[in-house]
N, C-alpha and C. Protein backbone atom coordinates (compact mmCIF):
# COMPACT_ATOMS: atom_id res chain seq x y z
N MET A 1 -11.22 -27.24 1.22
CA MET A 1 -12.44 -27.84 1.73
C MET A 1 -12.14 -29.04 2.58
N GLN A 2 -12.91 -29.24 3.69
CA GLN A 2 -12.73 -30.34 4.53
C GLN A 2 -13.08 -31.69 3.97
N PRO A 3 -12.21 -32.79 3.85
CA PRO A 3 -12.60 -33.96 3.24
C PRO A 3 -13.85 -34.55 3.80
N THR A 4 -14.66 -35.15 2.86
CA THR A 4 -15.97 -35.68 3.24
C THR A 4 -15.92 -36.61 4.41
N HIS A 5 -14.90 -37.52 4.45
CA HIS A 5 -14.90 -38.49 5.55
C HIS A 5 -14.70 -37.79 6.92
N ASN A 6 -14.08 -36.58 7.01
CA ASN A 6 -13.78 -35.83 8.07
C ASN A 6 -15.23 -35.18 8.60
N ILE A 7 -15.93 -34.76 7.51
CA ILE A 7 -17.20 -34.21 7.84
C ILE A 7 -18.19 -35.16 8.49
N ASN A 8 -18.16 -36.34 7.80
CA ASN A 8 -19.09 -37.44 8.21
C ASN A 8 -18.76 -37.89 9.65
N ASN A 9 -17.38 -38.06 10.00
CA ASN A 9 -17.03 -38.44 11.21
C ASN A 9 -17.56 -37.30 12.25
N TYR A 10 -17.30 -36.04 11.96
CA TYR A 10 -17.64 -35.02 12.99
C TYR A 10 -19.18 -34.99 13.17
N VAL A 11 -19.92 -35.14 12.16
CA VAL A 11 -21.30 -35.20 12.33
C VAL A 11 -21.84 -36.29 13.25
N GLN A 12 -21.14 -37.47 13.02
CA GLN A 12 -21.43 -38.51 13.91
C GLN A 12 -21.13 -38.22 15.36
N PHE A 13 -19.90 -37.64 15.51
CA PHE A 13 -19.58 -37.19 17.01
C PHE A 13 -20.73 -36.44 17.60
N GLN A 14 -21.09 -35.38 16.91
CA GLN A 14 -22.15 -34.38 17.39
C GLN A 14 -23.39 -35.05 17.64
N LEU A 15 -23.76 -36.03 16.85
CA LEU A 15 -25.09 -36.76 17.06
C LEU A 15 -24.93 -37.98 18.08
N GLY A 16 -23.78 -38.24 18.55
CA GLY A 16 -23.54 -39.30 19.52
C GLY A 16 -23.53 -40.53 18.87
N LEU A 17 -23.34 -40.60 17.61
CA LEU A 17 -23.62 -41.91 16.89
C LEU A 17 -22.11 -42.62 16.79
N ALA A 18 -21.13 -42.00 17.11
CA ALA A 18 -19.71 -42.62 17.24
C ALA A 18 -19.02 -42.10 18.27
N LYS A 19 -18.11 -42.81 18.72
CA LYS A 19 -17.22 -42.33 19.90
C LYS A 19 -15.75 -42.00 19.25
N GLY A 20 -15.21 -41.01 19.69
CA GLY A 20 -13.88 -40.74 19.28
C GLY A 20 -12.87 -40.92 20.30
N PRO A 21 -11.53 -40.73 20.11
CA PRO A 21 -10.62 -41.08 21.15
C PRO A 21 -10.66 -40.19 22.39
N THR A 22 -10.27 -40.69 23.43
CA THR A 22 -10.43 -39.92 24.70
C THR A 22 -9.28 -39.06 24.90
N THR A 23 -8.21 -39.36 24.13
CA THR A 23 -6.84 -38.27 24.21
C THR A 23 -6.47 -38.07 22.77
N CYS A 24 -6.20 -36.73 22.54
CA CYS A 24 -5.72 -36.32 21.21
C CYS A 24 -4.33 -36.95 20.92
N GLY A 25 -4.11 -37.58 19.87
CA GLY A 25 -2.80 -38.18 19.49
C GLY A 25 -1.84 -37.04 19.09
N ALA A 26 -2.19 -36.01 18.74
CA ALA A 26 -1.43 -34.76 18.41
C ALA A 26 -0.95 -33.80 19.43
N CYS A 27 -1.72 -33.65 20.47
CA CYS A 27 -1.11 -32.80 21.59
C CYS A 27 -1.42 -33.47 22.88
N THR A 28 -1.93 -34.61 23.00
CA THR A 28 -2.11 -35.50 24.36
C THR A 28 -3.14 -34.89 25.11
N LYS A 29 -3.90 -33.87 24.69
CA LYS A 29 -4.94 -33.25 25.63
C LYS A 29 -6.23 -34.09 25.45
N PRO A 30 -6.98 -34.13 26.45
CA PRO A 30 -8.24 -34.89 26.61
C PRO A 30 -9.20 -34.53 25.38
N CYS A 31 -9.90 -35.45 24.82
CA CYS A 31 -10.94 -35.07 23.76
C CYS A 31 -12.22 -35.29 24.44
N ASP A 32 -13.16 -34.48 23.87
CA ASP A 32 -14.61 -34.46 24.34
C ASP A 32 -15.35 -35.35 23.50
N PRO A 33 -16.48 -35.99 23.96
CA PRO A 33 -17.37 -37.02 23.22
C PRO A 33 -17.80 -36.36 21.78
N ARG A 34 -17.95 -35.11 21.71
CA ARG A 34 -18.64 -34.57 20.61
C ARG A 34 -17.36 -34.15 19.51
N GLY A 35 -16.17 -34.37 19.77
CA GLY A 35 -15.03 -34.18 18.88
C GLY A 35 -14.83 -32.59 18.67
N ASP A 36 -15.20 -31.69 19.60
CA ASP A 36 -14.80 -30.30 19.39
C ASP A 36 -13.38 -30.09 19.36
N HIS A 37 -12.77 -30.71 20.35
CA HIS A 37 -11.15 -30.63 20.41
C HIS A 37 -10.47 -30.84 19.08
N MET A 38 -10.96 -32.11 18.49
CA MET A 38 -10.32 -32.49 17.34
C MET A 38 -10.47 -31.43 16.16
N VAL A 39 -11.53 -30.73 16.07
CA VAL A 39 -11.69 -29.66 15.14
C VAL A 39 -10.67 -28.40 15.41
N LYS A 40 -10.52 -28.16 16.63
CA LYS A 40 -9.67 -26.97 17.00
C LYS A 40 -8.26 -27.33 17.25
N CYS A 41 -7.88 -28.43 17.42
CA CYS A 41 -6.47 -28.85 17.85
C CYS A 41 -5.47 -28.11 16.91
N PRO A 42 -4.61 -27.14 17.46
CA PRO A 42 -3.66 -26.40 16.66
C PRO A 42 -2.57 -27.37 15.94
N ASN A 43 -2.48 -28.61 16.48
CA ASN A 43 -1.33 -29.38 15.91
C ASN A 43 -1.87 -30.16 14.72
N ARG A 44 -3.19 -30.42 14.64
CA ARG A 44 -3.72 -31.23 13.41
C ARG A 44 -5.06 -30.89 13.08
N GLY A 45 -5.67 -30.01 13.84
CA GLY A 45 -7.18 -29.80 13.77
C GLY A 45 -7.61 -29.28 12.38
N TYR A 46 -8.73 -29.24 12.04
CA TYR A 46 -9.40 -28.79 10.77
C TYR A 46 -9.19 -27.29 10.72
N LEU A 47 -9.33 -26.60 11.74
CA LEU A 47 -9.25 -25.14 11.73
C LEU A 47 -7.82 -24.62 11.08
N THR A 48 -6.89 -25.47 11.45
CA THR A 48 -5.45 -25.09 11.15
C THR A 48 -5.29 -25.34 9.65
N SER A 49 -5.68 -26.58 9.17
CA SER A 49 -5.55 -26.82 7.75
C SER A 49 -6.35 -26.00 6.86
N ARG A 50 -7.69 -25.68 7.30
CA ARG A 50 -8.51 -24.72 6.65
C ARG A 50 -7.88 -23.21 6.62
N HIS A 51 -7.22 -22.94 7.60
CA HIS A 51 -6.50 -21.79 7.65
C HIS A 51 -5.57 -21.49 6.61
N ASN A 52 -4.87 -22.57 6.32
CA ASN A 52 -3.68 -22.51 5.44
C ASN A 52 -4.29 -22.62 4.11
N THR A 53 -5.39 -23.30 3.79
CA THR A 53 -6.06 -23.32 2.51
C THR A 53 -6.59 -22.04 2.06
N VAL A 54 -7.18 -21.41 3.13
CA VAL A 54 -7.66 -20.07 2.69
C VAL A 54 -6.67 -19.00 2.47
N GLN A 55 -5.67 -19.01 3.31
CA GLN A 55 -4.47 -18.02 3.03
C GLN A 55 -3.85 -18.25 1.70
N ALA A 56 -3.62 -19.59 1.25
CA ALA A 56 -3.08 -19.71 0.10
C ALA A 56 -3.93 -19.36 -1.15
N THR A 57 -5.34 -19.67 -0.93
CA THR A 57 -6.25 -19.35 -1.98
C THR A 57 -6.45 -17.78 -2.18
N VAL A 58 -6.32 -17.13 -1.07
CA VAL A 58 -6.61 -15.57 -1.27
C VAL A 58 -5.40 -15.03 -1.93
N TYR A 59 -4.26 -15.62 -1.39
CA TYR A 59 -3.02 -15.20 -2.15
C TYR A 59 -3.06 -15.28 -3.55
N ARG A 60 -3.43 -16.53 -4.22
CA ARG A 60 -3.45 -16.73 -5.62
C ARG A 60 -4.60 -15.77 -6.26
N ILE A 61 -5.65 -15.65 -5.57
CA ILE A 61 -6.75 -14.76 -6.12
C ILE A 61 -6.20 -13.23 -6.24
N CYS A 62 -5.45 -12.75 -5.29
CA CYS A 62 -4.83 -11.34 -5.31
C CYS A 62 -3.77 -11.37 -6.39
N LYS A 63 -3.11 -12.30 -6.62
CA LYS A 63 -2.14 -12.42 -7.77
C LYS A 63 -2.85 -12.34 -9.11
N GLU A 64 -3.91 -13.06 -9.30
CA GLU A 64 -4.88 -12.99 -10.54
C GLU A 64 -5.40 -11.67 -10.70
N ALA A 65 -5.84 -11.09 -9.56
CA ALA A 65 -6.49 -9.69 -9.71
C ALA A 65 -5.31 -8.78 -9.89
N ARG A 66 -4.16 -9.08 -9.97
CA ARG A 66 -2.96 -8.16 -10.32
C ARG A 66 -2.85 -7.00 -9.29
N CYS A 67 -3.06 -7.45 -8.05
CA CYS A 67 -2.68 -6.48 -7.01
C CYS A 67 -1.24 -6.18 -6.99
N PRO A 68 -0.94 -4.72 -6.81
CA PRO A 68 0.28 -4.40 -6.96
C PRO A 68 1.51 -5.03 -6.19
N SER A 69 1.04 -5.58 -4.95
CA SER A 69 1.98 -6.28 -4.12
C SER A 69 1.09 -7.32 -3.16
N VAL A 70 1.60 -8.45 -3.14
CA VAL A 70 1.00 -9.50 -2.23
C VAL A 70 2.11 -10.37 -1.53
N LYS A 71 2.17 -10.27 -0.28
CA LYS A 71 3.26 -10.92 0.53
C LYS A 71 2.79 -11.78 1.59
N THR A 72 3.25 -12.83 1.98
CA THR A 72 2.62 -13.79 3.03
C THR A 72 3.63 -13.69 4.20
N GLU A 73 3.17 -14.09 5.38
CA GLU A 73 3.98 -14.19 6.63
C GLU A 73 4.85 -13.10 6.79
N GLN A 74 4.34 -11.85 6.96
CA GLN A 74 5.10 -10.73 7.28
C GLN A 74 5.11 -10.37 8.67
N LEU A 75 6.30 -10.13 9.15
CA LEU A 75 6.57 -9.83 10.60
C LEU A 75 5.97 -8.34 10.86
N LEU A 76 5.28 -8.07 11.71
CA LEU A 76 4.71 -6.76 12.07
C LEU A 76 5.89 -5.80 12.27
N ARG A 77 6.94 -6.16 13.01
CA ARG A 77 7.91 -5.21 13.37
C ARG A 77 8.74 -4.80 11.99
N ASP A 78 8.71 -5.69 10.98
CA ASP A 78 9.33 -5.19 9.79
C ASP A 78 8.62 -4.24 8.92
N ARG A 79 7.25 -4.02 9.38
CA ARG A 79 6.26 -3.20 8.79
C ARG A 79 5.97 -1.87 9.60
N GLN A 80 6.81 -1.62 10.46
CA GLN A 80 6.73 -0.52 11.41
C GLN A 80 5.39 -0.62 12.25
N CYS A 81 4.89 -1.75 12.46
CA CYS A 81 3.76 -2.06 13.27
C CYS A 81 3.92 -2.74 14.58
N PRO A 82 4.76 -2.21 15.57
CA PRO A 82 5.09 -3.04 16.70
C PRO A 82 3.93 -3.30 17.59
N LEU A 83 4.00 -4.31 18.30
CA LEU A 83 3.09 -4.70 19.24
C LEU A 83 3.84 -4.72 20.70
N PRO A 84 3.89 -3.67 21.42
CA PRO A 84 4.68 -3.62 22.57
C PRO A 84 4.14 -4.63 23.64
N GLN A 85 2.84 -4.97 23.60
CA GLN A 85 2.23 -5.97 24.64
C GLN A 85 2.74 -7.36 24.36
N THR A 86 3.24 -7.61 23.20
CA THR A 86 3.46 -9.12 22.76
C THR A 86 4.96 -9.20 22.19
N THR A 87 5.22 -10.34 21.97
CA THR A 87 6.57 -10.54 21.37
C THR A 87 6.71 -9.84 20.08
N ASP A 88 8.01 -9.75 19.61
CA ASP A 88 8.22 -9.28 18.33
C ASP A 88 8.28 -10.10 17.12
N LYS A 89 7.55 -11.34 17.35
CA LYS A 89 7.44 -12.47 16.29
C LYS A 89 6.22 -12.50 15.71
N GLN A 90 5.30 -11.59 16.08
CA GLN A 90 3.96 -11.56 15.43
C GLN A 90 3.95 -11.38 13.95
N ARG A 91 3.22 -12.20 13.28
CA ARG A 91 3.20 -12.04 11.79
C ARG A 91 1.67 -11.84 11.30
N MET A 92 1.52 -11.34 10.10
CA MET A 92 0.23 -11.20 9.42
C MET A 92 0.31 -12.20 8.30
N ASP A 93 -0.78 -12.85 7.99
CA ASP A 93 -0.88 -13.82 6.95
C ASP A 93 -0.61 -13.27 5.57
N LEU A 94 -1.27 -12.02 5.26
CA LEU A 94 -1.01 -11.52 4.06
C LEU A 94 -0.97 -9.84 4.05
N VAL A 95 -0.02 -9.43 3.44
CA VAL A 95 0.06 -8.03 3.32
C VAL A 95 -0.19 -7.60 1.83
N ILE A 96 -1.22 -6.87 1.64
CA ILE A 96 -1.66 -6.52 0.22
C ILE A 96 -1.65 -5.08 -0.04
N THR A 97 -1.16 -4.61 -1.08
CA THR A 97 -1.32 -3.35 -1.61
C THR A 97 -2.41 -3.42 -2.62
N GLN A 98 -3.43 -2.55 -2.62
CA GLN A 98 -4.58 -2.56 -3.59
C GLN A 98 -4.34 -1.65 -4.77
N HIS A 99 -5.32 -1.66 -5.71
CA HIS A 99 -5.14 -0.82 -6.92
C HIS A 99 -5.12 0.66 -6.64
N ASP A 100 -5.84 0.96 -5.59
CA ASP A 100 -5.89 2.37 -5.30
C ASP A 100 -4.81 2.91 -4.43
N GLY A 101 -3.88 1.90 -4.10
CA GLY A 101 -2.63 2.32 -3.27
C GLY A 101 -2.83 2.04 -1.69
N SER A 102 -3.91 1.74 -1.39
CA SER A 102 -4.21 1.49 0.04
C SER A 102 -3.54 0.24 0.33
N LYS A 103 -3.20 0.06 1.67
CA LYS A 103 -2.48 -1.10 2.12
C LYS A 103 -3.35 -1.99 3.09
N ILE A 104 -3.31 -3.24 2.95
CA ILE A 104 -4.14 -4.01 3.93
C ILE A 104 -3.19 -5.10 4.70
N MET A 105 -3.42 -5.40 5.95
CA MET A 105 -2.88 -6.49 6.65
C MET A 105 -4.02 -7.40 6.80
N ALA A 106 -3.97 -8.56 6.27
CA ALA A 106 -5.14 -9.53 6.36
C ALA A 106 -4.69 -10.59 7.20
N ASP A 107 -5.56 -11.07 8.08
CA ASP A 107 -5.31 -12.03 9.16
C ASP A 107 -6.34 -13.15 9.01
N VAL A 108 -5.89 -14.17 8.47
CA VAL A 108 -6.93 -15.29 8.42
C VAL A 108 -7.25 -16.05 9.72
N THR A 109 -8.44 -16.24 10.17
CA THR A 109 -8.73 -16.95 11.42
C THR A 109 -9.97 -17.74 11.45
N GLY A 110 -9.88 -18.82 12.01
CA GLY A 110 -10.85 -19.78 12.06
C GLY A 110 -11.59 -19.81 13.36
N THR A 111 -12.69 -20.07 13.45
CA THR A 111 -13.50 -20.29 14.86
C THR A 111 -14.37 -21.39 14.74
N HIS A 112 -14.63 -21.92 16.01
CA HIS A 112 -15.54 -22.98 16.08
C HIS A 112 -16.61 -22.71 17.14
N PRO A 113 -17.91 -22.75 16.72
CA PRO A 113 -18.98 -22.18 17.61
C PRO A 113 -19.27 -23.03 18.89
N THR A 114 -18.86 -24.23 18.95
CA THR A 114 -19.22 -25.17 20.13
C THR A 114 -17.86 -25.59 20.87
N HIS A 115 -18.04 -25.68 22.09
CA HIS A 115 -16.92 -25.82 23.09
C HIS A 115 -17.14 -26.95 24.00
N ASP A 116 -17.68 -28.10 23.65
CA ASP A 116 -17.82 -29.21 24.57
C ASP A 116 -16.51 -29.48 25.35
N ASP A 117 -15.42 -29.28 24.65
CA ASP A 117 -14.31 -29.64 25.37
C ASP A 117 -13.87 -28.59 26.44
N ARG A 118 -14.51 -27.54 26.65
CA ARG A 118 -14.35 -26.64 27.71
C ARG A 118 -15.68 -26.35 28.43
N PRO A 119 -16.31 -27.22 29.26
CA PRO A 119 -17.73 -26.91 29.83
C PRO A 119 -17.63 -25.67 30.63
N GLY A 120 -18.65 -24.91 30.47
CA GLY A 120 -18.82 -23.69 31.15
C GLY A 120 -18.13 -22.51 30.57
N GLU A 121 -17.54 -22.72 29.64
CA GLU A 121 -16.72 -21.52 29.14
C GLU A 121 -17.76 -20.48 28.30
N PRO A 122 -17.63 -19.24 28.59
CA PRO A 122 -18.62 -18.29 28.12
C PRO A 122 -18.82 -18.44 26.53
N ARG A 123 -17.82 -18.76 25.87
CA ARG A 123 -17.78 -18.87 24.39
C ARG A 123 -18.83 -20.03 23.78
N ASN A 124 -19.14 -20.81 24.79
CA ASN A 124 -20.20 -21.88 24.38
C ASN A 124 -21.56 -21.22 23.93
N LEU A 125 -21.88 -19.98 24.60
CA LEU A 125 -23.10 -19.34 24.07
C LEU A 125 -23.09 -19.05 22.71
N THR A 126 -21.93 -18.79 21.89
CA THR A 126 -21.82 -18.46 20.65
C THR A 126 -22.77 -19.30 19.71
N ASN A 127 -22.74 -20.59 20.03
CA ASN A 127 -23.61 -21.45 19.21
C ASN A 127 -25.12 -21.10 19.30
N GLN A 128 -25.57 -20.35 19.96
CA GLN A 128 -26.88 -20.12 20.23
C GLN A 128 -27.32 -18.85 19.34
N ARG A 129 -26.57 -18.07 18.80
CA ARG A 129 -26.93 -16.99 18.00
C ARG A 129 -26.02 -17.21 16.74
N PRO A 130 -26.54 -17.16 15.51
CA PRO A 130 -25.92 -17.36 14.20
C PRO A 130 -24.91 -16.28 14.04
N GLY A 131 -23.65 -16.39 13.68
CA GLY A 131 -22.68 -15.52 13.43
C GLY A 131 -22.09 -15.03 14.53
N SER A 132 -22.42 -15.37 15.85
CA SER A 132 -21.83 -14.75 16.99
C SER A 132 -20.31 -15.12 17.22
N ALA A 133 -20.06 -16.37 16.84
CA ALA A 133 -18.68 -16.83 16.87
C ALA A 133 -17.77 -16.04 16.05
N LEU A 134 -18.25 -15.80 14.84
CA LEU A 134 -17.57 -14.83 13.82
C LEU A 134 -17.14 -13.55 14.29
N ARG A 135 -18.33 -12.94 14.86
CA ARG A 135 -18.25 -11.56 15.31
C ARG A 135 -17.25 -11.61 16.58
N VAL A 136 -17.26 -12.39 17.40
CA VAL A 136 -16.38 -12.43 18.55
C VAL A 136 -14.93 -12.72 18.07
N ALA A 137 -14.65 -13.55 17.20
CA ALA A 137 -13.31 -13.69 16.64
C ALA A 137 -12.82 -12.54 15.96
N GLU A 138 -13.60 -11.95 15.14
CA GLU A 138 -13.23 -10.77 14.50
C GLU A 138 -12.90 -9.60 15.38
N LYS A 139 -13.64 -9.35 16.37
CA LYS A 139 -13.53 -8.30 17.40
C LYS A 139 -12.17 -8.44 18.07
N ARG A 140 -11.95 -9.76 18.42
CA ARG A 140 -10.63 -10.04 19.18
C ARG A 140 -9.41 -9.71 18.24
N LYS A 141 -9.53 -10.06 16.98
CA LYS A 141 -8.38 -9.63 16.04
C LYS A 141 -8.26 -8.17 15.91
N ARG A 142 -9.36 -7.53 15.83
CA ARG A 142 -9.23 -5.90 15.81
C ARG A 142 -8.73 -5.43 17.11
N ASP A 143 -9.10 -5.93 18.29
CA ASP A 143 -8.63 -5.49 19.54
C ASP A 143 -7.17 -5.43 19.57
N VAL A 144 -6.60 -6.46 19.17
CA VAL A 144 -5.12 -6.86 19.29
C VAL A 144 -4.35 -6.12 18.21
N TYR A 145 -4.78 -6.12 17.03
CA TYR A 145 -3.82 -5.77 16.05
C TYR A 145 -4.23 -4.27 15.24
N ALA A 146 -5.36 -3.99 15.29
CA ALA A 146 -5.93 -2.82 14.44
C ALA A 146 -5.16 -1.55 14.70
N VAL A 147 -4.78 -1.14 15.88
CA VAL A 147 -4.10 0.02 16.22
C VAL A 147 -2.73 -0.09 15.80
N ALA A 148 -2.10 -1.21 15.98
CA ALA A 148 -0.68 -1.37 15.56
C ALA A 148 -0.56 -1.34 14.00
N CYS A 149 -1.47 -1.97 13.39
CA CYS A 149 -1.53 -1.88 11.87
C CYS A 149 -1.67 -0.38 11.37
N ALA A 150 -2.58 0.42 11.99
CA ALA A 150 -2.77 1.76 11.55
C ALA A 150 -1.54 2.65 11.78
N ARG A 151 -0.64 2.29 12.78
CA ARG A 151 0.50 2.95 12.85
C ARG A 151 1.52 2.85 11.83
N GLY A 152 1.50 1.65 11.13
CA GLY A 152 2.35 1.58 9.90
C GLY A 152 1.50 1.92 8.60
N GLY A 153 0.47 2.58 8.63
CA GLY A 153 -0.38 2.87 7.62
C GLY A 153 -1.16 1.76 6.93
N TYR A 154 -1.38 0.86 7.61
CA TYR A 154 -2.20 -0.34 7.06
C TYR A 154 -3.65 -0.40 7.61
N MET A 155 -4.58 -1.06 6.97
CA MET A 155 -5.83 -1.38 7.49
C MET A 155 -5.81 -2.82 7.78
N LEU A 156 -6.30 -3.09 9.02
CA LEU A 156 -6.37 -4.55 9.40
C LEU A 156 -7.69 -5.18 8.71
N LEU A 157 -7.57 -6.37 8.21
CA LEU A 157 -8.66 -7.05 7.52
C LEU A 157 -8.73 -8.32 8.11
N PRO A 158 -9.51 -8.71 9.15
CA PRO A 158 -9.70 -10.06 9.57
C PRO A 158 -10.44 -10.93 8.57
N LEU A 159 -9.96 -11.99 8.12
CA LEU A 159 -10.71 -12.88 7.05
C LEU A 159 -11.17 -14.06 8.12
N THR A 160 -12.37 -14.11 8.47
CA THR A 160 -12.78 -14.91 9.48
C THR A 160 -13.85 -16.01 9.00
N PHE A 161 -13.65 -17.24 9.38
CA PHE A 161 -14.56 -18.26 9.05
C PHE A 161 -14.86 -19.23 10.07
N GLU A 162 -16.08 -19.76 9.98
CA GLU A 162 -16.56 -20.89 10.97
C GLU A 162 -16.17 -22.28 10.64
N SER A 163 -15.99 -23.25 11.46
CA SER A 163 -15.79 -24.41 11.09
C SER A 163 -16.94 -25.03 10.24
N TYR A 164 -18.10 -24.69 10.57
CA TYR A 164 -19.36 -25.18 9.77
C TYR A 164 -19.62 -24.45 8.45
N GLY A 165 -18.79 -23.52 8.08
CA GLY A 165 -18.73 -22.95 6.72
C GLY A 165 -19.00 -21.52 6.56
N ARG A 166 -19.66 -21.01 7.59
CA ARG A 166 -20.04 -19.52 7.60
C ARG A 166 -18.82 -18.70 7.43
N TRP A 167 -18.88 -17.49 6.64
CA TRP A 167 -17.84 -16.51 6.47
C TRP A 167 -18.27 -15.26 7.28
N SER A 168 -17.37 -14.41 7.73
CA SER A 168 -17.87 -12.96 8.10
C SER A 168 -18.16 -12.23 6.89
N SER A 169 -18.96 -11.16 7.13
CA SER A 169 -19.30 -10.33 6.05
C SER A 169 -18.13 -9.63 5.63
N THR A 170 -17.12 -9.36 6.46
CA THR A 170 -15.99 -8.62 6.04
C THR A 170 -15.21 -9.47 4.97
N MET A 171 -15.07 -10.82 5.21
CA MET A 171 -14.45 -11.62 4.32
C MET A 171 -15.01 -11.83 2.94
N GLU A 172 -16.46 -11.93 3.09
CA GLU A 172 -17.26 -12.06 1.88
C GLU A 172 -17.06 -10.78 0.97
N THR A 173 -17.23 -9.72 1.56
CA THR A 173 -17.16 -8.52 0.79
C THR A 173 -15.75 -8.35 0.13
N PHE A 174 -14.73 -8.72 0.91
CA PHE A 174 -13.37 -8.59 0.29
C PHE A 174 -13.26 -9.57 -0.87
N LEU A 175 -13.62 -10.82 -0.74
CA LEU A 175 -13.54 -11.83 -1.75
C LEU A 175 -14.36 -11.41 -3.02
N HIS A 176 -15.52 -10.68 -3.00
CA HIS A 176 -16.26 -10.18 -4.06
C HIS A 176 -15.47 -9.04 -4.77
N LYS A 177 -14.89 -8.31 -3.90
CA LYS A 177 -14.13 -7.23 -4.48
C LYS A 177 -12.90 -7.70 -5.35
N LEU A 178 -12.30 -8.73 -4.85
CA LEU A 178 -11.18 -9.33 -5.59
C LEU A 178 -11.74 -9.95 -6.83
N GLY A 179 -12.80 -10.62 -6.81
CA GLY A 179 -13.53 -11.31 -7.87
C GLY A 179 -13.75 -10.28 -9.05
N LYS A 180 -14.19 -9.22 -8.69
CA LYS A 180 -14.49 -8.05 -9.54
C LYS A 180 -13.05 -7.53 -10.33
N ALA A 181 -12.07 -7.63 -9.57
CA ALA A 181 -10.80 -7.26 -10.11
C ALA A 181 -10.26 -8.39 -11.11
N VAL A 182 -10.48 -9.59 -10.62
CA VAL A 182 -10.08 -10.63 -11.61
C VAL A 182 -10.82 -10.49 -12.91
N ASN A 183 -12.11 -10.33 -12.82
CA ASN A 183 -13.03 -10.07 -14.08
C ASN A 183 -12.34 -9.05 -14.83
N GLU A 184 -12.13 -8.00 -14.20
CA GLU A 184 -11.42 -6.75 -15.05
C GLU A 184 -10.18 -7.10 -15.60
N ALA A 185 -9.39 -7.94 -15.00
CA ALA A 185 -8.01 -8.21 -15.56
C ALA A 185 -8.09 -9.40 -16.58
N HIS A 186 -9.08 -10.28 -16.60
CA HIS A 186 -8.93 -11.45 -17.38
C HIS A 186 -10.20 -11.73 -18.17
N TYR A 187 -11.40 -11.35 -17.81
CA TYR A 187 -12.54 -11.93 -18.26
C TYR A 187 -13.56 -10.68 -18.69
N ARG A 188 -13.03 -9.64 -19.04
CA ARG A 188 -13.92 -8.24 -19.24
C ARG A 188 -14.95 -8.67 -20.34
N ASP A 189 -14.62 -9.50 -21.35
CA ASP A 189 -15.36 -9.69 -22.52
C ASP A 189 -16.21 -11.01 -22.26
N ASP A 190 -16.00 -11.68 -21.16
CA ASP A 190 -16.71 -12.91 -20.90
C ASP A 190 -18.05 -12.79 -20.16
N ARG A 191 -19.23 -12.71 -20.96
CA ARG A 191 -20.33 -12.64 -20.39
C ARG A 191 -20.92 -13.61 -19.34
N ASP A 192 -20.31 -14.70 -19.50
CA ASP A 192 -20.51 -15.71 -18.56
C ASP A 192 -19.76 -15.77 -17.24
N PHE A 193 -18.84 -14.93 -17.25
CA PHE A 193 -17.90 -14.87 -15.91
C PHE A 193 -18.89 -14.33 -14.85
N SER A 194 -18.67 -14.94 -13.65
CA SER A 194 -19.34 -14.36 -12.37
C SER A 194 -18.23 -14.32 -11.34
N THR A 195 -18.42 -13.31 -10.43
CA THR A 195 -17.40 -13.10 -9.29
C THR A 195 -17.62 -14.45 -8.43
N GLY A 196 -18.66 -14.89 -8.36
CA GLY A 196 -19.07 -16.13 -7.53
C GLY A 196 -18.09 -17.25 -7.71
N ARG A 197 -17.60 -17.42 -9.21
CA ARG A 197 -16.67 -18.51 -9.49
C ARG A 197 -15.35 -18.27 -8.73
N VAL A 198 -15.00 -16.96 -8.52
CA VAL A 198 -13.84 -16.75 -7.80
C VAL A 198 -14.05 -16.95 -6.32
N VAL A 199 -15.14 -16.45 -5.74
CA VAL A 199 -15.28 -16.58 -4.39
C VAL A 199 -15.44 -17.93 -4.03
N ALA A 200 -16.01 -18.77 -4.76
CA ALA A 200 -16.23 -20.21 -4.41
C ALA A 200 -14.89 -20.98 -4.26
N ARG A 201 -13.77 -20.53 -4.59
CA ARG A 201 -12.58 -21.21 -4.44
C ARG A 201 -12.41 -21.19 -2.89
N CYS A 202 -12.86 -20.36 -2.13
CA CYS A 202 -12.52 -20.38 -0.77
C CYS A 202 -13.61 -21.24 0.06
N VAL A 203 -14.54 -21.84 -0.71
CA VAL A 203 -15.56 -22.62 0.11
C VAL A 203 -14.91 -23.89 0.53
């Protein structure tokens, strides 16, 4: 979860109540007045830290759900899923074998709906339609990786989230499925158990 002081700072930037730095101290690129760059900066931005948190949390939940196999940071080339149009160093965040034997390559990705740091960019329009930024990010992942994953016998599963907290329906459905597996593995006789308790770990 994003620290409270970071959320407060970002809200102040968005409302024009506070001024941020003009240059990013992590990558030296210009910063916009509303703080969009600081959220997205790959060197220290919120999306990067949030990505790592979601990846680690989903990994732990898969282990609790007793998935037959869960591995992180797997090279596509080692899974017979080559991407000829890119380098051979592309990785998947999680490679999961489910209880039914099906295999998943899960790619965690974060997106930010506003782009004041890039005036005129078409993606700025995504902040006008709820969920649009998520759909754009998920489509982008599928366009790049889905065919390559299928060649190796895997289904691509983009786990997409927004900086403002929204999840894609794909991610939400998968987390609830894992929650049910955790219930079956550990809490079958606990009437008070809710899959929401598992899903909430990624909030």
